[in-house]
PDB file of N, CA and C in Angstrom:
ATOM      1  N   MET A   1      99.425 145.869-106.390  1.00  0.00           N
ATOM      2  CA  MET A   1      99.021 144.494-105.466  1.00  0.00           C
ATOM      3  C   MET A   1     100.069 144.670-104.482  1.00  0.00           C
ATOM      4  N   GLY A   2      99.670 144.432-103.262  1.00  0.00           N
ATOM      5  CA  GLY A   2     100.617 144.171-102.194  1.00  0.00           C
ATOM      6  C   GLY A   2     100.955 142.901-101.959  1.00  0.00           C
ATOM      7  N   LEU A   3     101.872 142.664-101.340  1.00  0.00           N
ATOM      8  CA  LEU A   3     102.539 141.272-100.854  1.00  0.00           C
ATOM      9  C   LEU A   3     102.413 141.051 -99.296  1.00  0.00           C
ATOM     10  N   ASP A   4     101.846 139.818 -98.990  1.00  0.00           N
ATOM     11  CA  ASP A   4     101.624 139.343 -97.521  1.00  0.00           C
ATOM     12  C   ASP A   4     102.904 138.895 -97.001  1.00  0.00           C
ATOM     13  N   TRP A   5     103.580 139.705 -96.246  1.00  0.00           N
ATOM     14  CA  TRP A   5     104.851 139.249 -95.672  1.00  0.00           C
ATOM     15  C   TRP A   5     104.643 139.311 -93.909  1.00  0.00           C
ATOM     16  N   ARG A   6     103.358 139.021 -93.644  1.00  0.00           N
ATOM     17  CA  ARG A   6     103.023 138.948 -92.146  1.00  0.00           C
ATOM     18  C   ARG A   6     103.744 137.865 -91.447  1.00  0.00           C
ATOM     19  N   ASP A   7     103.923 136.877 -92.214  1.00  0.00           N
ATOM     20  CA  ASP A   7     104.427 135.592 -91.427  1.00  0.00           C
ATOM     21  C   ASP A   7     105.926 135.956 -90.753  1.00  0.00           C
ATOM     22  N   ALA A   8     106.230 135.434 -89.743  1.00  0.00           N
ATOM     23  CA  ALA A   8     107.560 135.662 -89.156  1.00  0.00           C
ATOM     24  C   ALA A   8     108.855 135.142 -89.841  1.00  0.00           C
ATOM     25  N   ARG A   9     108.476 134.227 -90.815  1.00  0.00           N
ATOM     26  CA  ARG A   9     109.594 133.537 -91.616  1.00  0.00           C
ATOM     27  C   ARG A   9     110.275 134.584 -92.252  1.00  0.00           C
ATOM     28  N   HIS A  10     109.389 135.807 -92.766  1.00  0.00           N
ATOM     29  CA  HIS A  10     110.020 136.768 -93.598  1.00  0.00           C
ATOM     30  C   HIS A  10     111.240 137.642 -92.857  1.00  0.00           C
ATOM     31  N   PHE A  11     111.352 137.513 -91.739  1.00  0.00           N
ATOM     32  CA  PHE A  11     112.246 138.376 -90.915  1.00  0.00           C
ATOM     33  C   PHE A  11     113.377 137.523 -90.439  1.00  0.00           C
ATOM     34  N   ASP A  12     114.711 137.875 -90.619  1.00  0.00           N
ATOM     35  CA  ASP A  12     115.719 137.073 -90.154  1.00  0.00           C
ATOM     36  C   ASP A  12     116.354 137.733 -89.252  1.00  0.00           C
ATOM     37  N   ARG A  13     116.472 137.131 -87.806  1.00  0.00           N
ATOM     38  CA  ARG A  13     117.072 137.810 -86.830  1.00  0.00           C
ATOM     39  C   ARG A  13     118.649 137.762 -86.892  1.00  0.00           C
ATOM     40  N   THR A  14     119.111 136.942 -87.767  1.00  0.00           N
ATOM     41  CA  THR A  14     120.775 136.803 -87.590  1.00  0.00           C
ATOM     42  C   THR A  14     121.404 138.013 -88.163  1.00  0.00           C
ATOM     43  N   GLY A  15     120.444 139.009 -88.891  1.00  0.00           N
ATOM     44  CA  GLY A  15     121.210 140.130 -89.640  1.00  0.00           C
ATOM     45  C   GLY A  15     120.684 140.755 -90.748  1.00  0.00           C
ATOM     46  N   ASP A  16     121.262 141.796 -91.169  1.00  0.00           N
ATOM     47  CA  ASP A  16     120.633 142.387 -92.450  1.00  0.00           C
ATOM     48  C   ASP A  16     121.653 141.686 -93.555  1.00  0.00           C
ATOM     49  N   LYS A  17     121.038 141.711 -94.882  1.00  0.00           N
ATOM     50  CA  LYS A  17     121.863 141.320 -95.908  1.00  0.00           C
ATOM     51  C   LYS A  17     121.492 142.295 -97.045  1.00  0.00           C
ATOM     52  N   PRO A  18     122.362 142.564 -98.069  1.00  0.00           N
ATOM     53  CA  PRO A  18     121.844 143.328 -99.176  1.00  0.00           C
ATOM     54  C   PRO A  18     120.605 142.746 -99.869  1.00  0.00           C
ATOM     55  N   CYS A  19     119.723 143.624 -99.968  1.00  0.00           N
ATOM     56  CA  CYS A  19     118.496 143.489-100.690  1.00  0.00           C
ATOM     57  C   CYS A  19     118.672 143.096-102.137  1.00  0.00           C
ATOM     58  N   ARG A  20     118.181 142.244-102.740  1.00  0.00           N
ATOM     59  CA  ARG A  20     118.454 141.706-104.223  1.00  0.00           C
ATOM     60  C   ARG A  20     118.127 142.634-105.157  1.00  0.00           C
ATOM     61  N   TRP A  21     117.267 143.707-104.864  1.00  0.00           N
ATOM     62  CA  TRP A  21     116.836 144.572-105.810  1.00  0.00           C
ATOM     63  C   TRP A  21     117.472 145.766-105.785  1.00  0.00           C
ATOM     64  N   CYS A  22     117.792 146.481-104.470  1.00  0.00           N
ATOM     65  CA  CYS A  22     118.427 147.877-104.393  1.00  0.00           C
ATOM     66  C   CYS A  22     119.731 147.783-103.699  1.00  0.00           C
ATOM     67  N   GLY A  23     120.051 146.516-103.045  1.00  0.00           N
ATOM     68  CA  GLY A  23     121.225 146.658-102.417  1.00  0.00           C
ATOM     69  C   GLY A  23     121.425 147.148-101.175  1.00  0.00           C
ATOM     70  N   ARG A  24     120.377 147.942-100.590  1.00  0.00           N
ATOM     71  CA  ARG A  24     120.570 148.310 -99.174  1.00  0.00           C
ATOM     72  C   ARG A  24     120.280 147.232 -98.115  1.00  0.00           C
ATOM     73  N   PRO A  25     120.860 147.269 -96.969  1.00  0.00           N
ATOM     74  CA  PRO A  25     120.675 146.284 -95.835  1.00  0.00           C
ATOM     75  C   PRO A  25     119.064 146.050 -95.522  1.00  0.00           C
ATOM     76  N   THR A  26     118.834 144.918 -95.392  1.00  0.00           N
ATOM     77  CA  THR A  26     117.458 144.239 -94.896  1.00  0.00           C
ATOM     78  C   THR A  26     117.395 143.186 -94.096  1.00  0.00           C
ATOM     79  N   PRO A  27     116.570 143.238 -93.129  1.00  0.00           N
ATOM     80  CA  PRO A  27     116.385 141.800 -92.416  1.00  0.00           C
ATOM     81  C   PRO A  27     115.376 140.835 -92.938  1.00  0.00           C
ATOM     82  N   LEU A  28     114.707 141.513 -94.066  1.00  0.00           N
ATOM     83  CA  LEU A  28     113.556 140.754 -94.626  1.00  0.00           C
ATOM     84  C   LEU A  28     114.037 139.723 -95.472  1.00  0.00           C
ATOM     85  N   ARG A  29     113.275 138.551 -95.735  1.00  0.00           N
ATOM     86  CA  ARG A  29     113.641 137.536 -96.668  1.00  0.00           C
ATOM     87  C   ARG A  29     112.469 137.075 -97.474  1.00  0.00           C
ATOM     88  N   ASP A  30     112.636 136.757 -98.805  1.00  0.00           N
ATOM     89  CA  ASP A  30     111.572 136.393 -99.559  1.00  0.00           C
ATOM     90  C   ASP A  30     111.157 134.849 -99.149  1.00  0.00           C
ATOM     91  N   ASP A  31     110.337 134.515 -99.802  1.00  0.00           N
ATOM     92  CA  ASP A  31     109.922 133.034 -99.691  1.00  0.00           C
ATOM     93  C   ASP A  31     111.069 131.885 -99.788  1.00  0.00           C
ATOM     94  N   HIS A  32     112.104 132.250-100.407  1.00  0.00           N
ATOM     95  CA  HIS A  32     113.185 131.327-100.752  1.00  0.00           C
ATOM     96  C   HIS A  32     114.452 131.917 -99.870  1.00  0.00           C
ATOM     97  N   ARG A  33     114.059 132.594 -98.997  1.00  0.00           N
ATOM     98  CA  ARG A  33     115.000 133.227 -97.750  1.00  0.00           C
ATOM     99  C   ARG A  33     116.248 134.136 -98.464  1.00  0.00           C
ATOM    100  N   ARG A  34     115.682 134.777 -99.848  1.00  0.00           N
ATOM    101  CA  ARG A  34     116.650 135.645-100.276  1.00  0.00           C
ATOM    102  C   ARG A  34     116.408 136.928 -99.678  1.00  0.00           C
ATOM    103  N   PRO A  35     117.414 137.913 -99.410  1.00  0.00           N
ATOM    104  CA  PRO A  35     117.258 139.338 -98.864  1.00  0.00           C
ATOM    105  C   PRO A  35     116.291 140.177 -99.861  1.00  0.00           C
ATOM    106  N   SER A  36     115.450 140.625 -99.349  1.00  0.00           N
ATOM    107  CA  SER A  36     114.602 141.575-100.308  1.00  0.00           C
ATOM    108  C   SER A  36     113.635 142.431 -99.239  1.00  0.00           C
ATOM    109  N   HIS A  37     113.673 143.932 -99.783  1.00  0.00           N
ATOM    110  CA  HIS A  37     112.527 144.600 -98.930  1.00  0.00           C
ATOM    111  C   HIS A  37     111.223 144.324 -99.612  1.00  0.00           C
ATOM    112  N   LYS A  38     110.172 144.464 -98.665  1.00  0.00           N
ATOM    113  CA  LYS A  38     108.886 144.092 -99.299  1.00  0.00           C
ATOM    114  C   LYS A  38     108.565 145.057-100.398  1.00  0.00           C
ATOM    115  N   VAL A  39     108.851 146.434-100.079  1.00  0.00           N
ATOM    116  CA  VAL A  39     108.442 147.672-100.991  1.00  0.00           C
ATOM    117  C   VAL A  39     109.361 147.527-102.390  1.00  0.00           C
ATOM    118  N   CYS A  40     110.503 146.791-102.305  1.00  0.00           N
ATOM    119  CA  CYS A  40     111.306 146.785-103.399  1.00  0.00           C
ATOM    120  C   CYS A  40     110.675 145.620-104.312  1.00  0.00           C
ATOM    121  N   ALA A  41     110.159 144.512-103.620  1.00  0.00           N
ATOM    122  CA  ALA A  41     109.648 143.450-104.409  1.00  0.00           C
ATOM    123  C   ALA A  41     108.437 143.861-104.967  1.00  0.00           C
ATOM    124  N   GLU A  42     107.668 144.689-104.140  1.00  0.00           N
ATOM    125  CA  GLU A  42     106.294 145.354-104.832  1.00  0.00           C
ATOM    126  C   GLU A  42     106.520 146.170-105.919  1.00  0.00           C
ATOM    127  N   SER A  43     107.592 146.934-105.944  1.00  0.00           N
ATOM    128  CA  SER A  43     107.986 147.877-106.994  1.00  0.00           C
ATOM    129  C   SER A  43     108.322 147.163-108.194  1.00  0.00           C
ATOM    130  N   ALA A  44     108.960 146.050-108.023  1.00  0.00           N
ATOM    131  CA  ALA A  44     109.411 145.397-109.136  1.00  0.00           C
ATOM    132  C   ALA A  44     108.369 144.749-109.681  1.00  0.00           C
ATOM    133  N   MET A  45     107.198 144.381-108.897  1.00  0.00           N
ATOM    134  CA  MET A  45     106.101 143.559-109.475  1.00  0.00           C
ATOM    135  C   MET A  45     105.472 144.639-110.113  1.00  0.00           C
ATOM    136  N   ASN A  46     105.265 145.862-109.849  1.00  0.00           N
ATOM    137  CA  ASN A  46     104.189 146.802-110.338  1.00  0.00           C
ATOM    138  C   ASN A  46     105.123 147.707-111.327  1.00  0.00           C
ATOM    139  N   ASP A  47     106.170 147.661-111.763  1.00  0.00           N
ATOM    140  CA  ASP A  47     106.770 148.566-112.552  1.00  0.00           C
ATOM    141  C   ASP A  47     106.639 148.128-114.108  1.00  0.00           C
ATOM    142  N   GLY A  48     105.881 147.219-114.204  1.00  0.00           N
ATOM    143  CA  GLY A  48     105.473 146.578-115.640  1.00  0.00           C
ATOM    144  C   GLY A  48     106.516 145.780-116.172  1.00  0.00           C
ATOM    145  N   GLY A  49     107.512 145.336-115.314  1.00  0.00           N
ATOM    146  CA  GLY A  49     108.613 144.317-115.679  1.00  0.00           C
ATOM    147  C   GLY A  49     107.979 142.933-115.789  1.00  0.00           C
ATOM    148  N   GLY A  50     106.638 142.755-115.816  1.00  0.00           N
ATOM    149  CA  GLY A  50     106.132 141.460-115.945  1.00  0.00           C
ATOM    150  C   GLY A  50     105.850 140.890-114.494  1.00  0.00           C
ATOM    151  N   PRO A  51     105.612 139.479-114.417  1.00  0.00           N
ATOM    152  CA  PRO A  51     105.715 138.828-113.093  1.00  0.00           C
ATOM    153  C   PRO A  51     106.906 138.639-112.354  1.00  0.00           C
ATOM    154  N   LEU A  52     107.152 138.786-111.274  1.00  0.00           N
ATOM    155  CA  LEU A  52     108.243 138.620-110.390  1.00  0.00           C
ATOM    156  C   LEU A  52     109.087 137.223-110.639  1.00  0.00           C
ATOM    157  N   PRO A  53     110.369 136.931-110.561  1.00  0.00           N
ATOM    158  CA  PRO A  53     110.735 135.693-110.823  1.00  0.00           C
ATOM    159  C   PRO A  53     110.260 134.856-109.562  1.00  0.00           C
ATOM    160  N   PRO A  54     110.375 133.649-109.742  1.00  0.00           N
ATOM    161  CA  PRO A  54     109.817 132.724-108.822  1.00  0.00           C
ATOM    162  C   PRO A  54     110.748 132.910-107.428  1.00  0.00           C
ATOM    163  N   GLY A  55     109.801 132.798-106.461  1.00  0.00           N
ATOM    164  CA  GLY A  55     110.193 133.186-105.099  1.00  0.00           C
ATOM    165  C   GLY A  55     110.725 134.722-104.831  1.00  0.00           C
ATOM    166  N   THR A  56     110.171 135.641-105.388  1.00  0.00           N
ATOM    167  CA  THR A  56     110.610 136.889-105.170  1.00  0.00           C
ATOM    168  C   THR A  56     109.638 137.512-103.921  1.00  0.00           C
ATOM    169  N   GLY A  57     108.604 137.055-103.943  1.00  0.00           N
ATOM    170  CA  GLY A  57     107.661 137.682-102.745  1.00  0.00           C
ATOM    171  C   GLY A  57     106.911 136.545-101.993  1.00  0.00           C
ATOM    172  N   ALA A  58     106.024 136.877-101.364  1.00  0.00           N
ATOM    173  CA  ALA A  58     105.127 136.004-100.684  1.00  0.00           C
ATOM    174  C   ALA A  58     103.908 135.886-101.284  1.00  0.00           C
ATOM    175  N   THR A  59     102.721 135.235-100.825  1.00  0.00           N
ATOM    176  CA  THR A  59     101.591 135.107-101.393  1.00  0.00           C
ATOM    177  C   THR A  59     100.921 136.492-101.521  1.00  0.00           C
ATOM    178  N   ALA A  60     100.484 136.947-102.657  1.00  0.00           N
ATOM    179  CA  ALA A  60      99.919 138.280-102.760  1.00  0.00           C
ATOM    180  C   ALA A  60      98.436 138.250-102.327  1.00  0.00           C
ATOM    181  N   TYR A  61      98.058 139.537-101.918  1.00  0.00           N
ATOM    182  CA  TYR A  61      96.697 139.406-101.578  1.00  0.00           C
ATOM    183  C   TYR A  61      95.959 139.590-102.687  1.00  0.00           C
ATOM    184  N   PRO A  62      94.529 139.111-102.562  1.00  0.00           N
ATOM    185  CA  PRO A  62      93.796 138.633-103.671  1.00  0.00           C
ATOM    186  C   PRO A  62      93.469 140.093-104.305  1.00  0.00           C
ATOM    187  N   ALA A  63      93.198 139.973-105.800  1.00  0.00           N
ATOM    188  CA  ALA A  63      92.791 141.210-106.353  1.00  0.00           C
ATOM    189  C   ALA A  63      91.627 141.944-105.788  1.00  0.00           C
ATOM    190  N   PRO A  64      91.753 143.195-105.873  1.00  0.00           N
ATOM    191  CA  PRO A  64      90.280 143.597-105.118  1.00  0.00           C
ATOM    192  C   PRO A  64      89.366 143.766-106.275  1.00  0.00           C
ATOM    193  N   PHE A  65      88.074 143.529-105.840  1.00  0.00           N
ATOM    194  CA  PHE A  65      86.907 143.418-106.872  1.00  0.00           C
ATOM    195  C   PHE A  65      86.341 144.734-107.177  1.00  0.00           C
TER     196      PHE A  65
END
């Protein structure tokens, strides 16, 4: 499943901060403004670790039929 982070609110122009998942710098923010790479959030979601913690990502794309 992919996350939909097209909304400009997921980009923070003030600068990079460490990703909550991998620690590498990112200008991206989740729905609660926490630093997170989109691919890191998707990886955490898809690695079988269960659902992402609240606010980890954005609205998910609908499941394919």
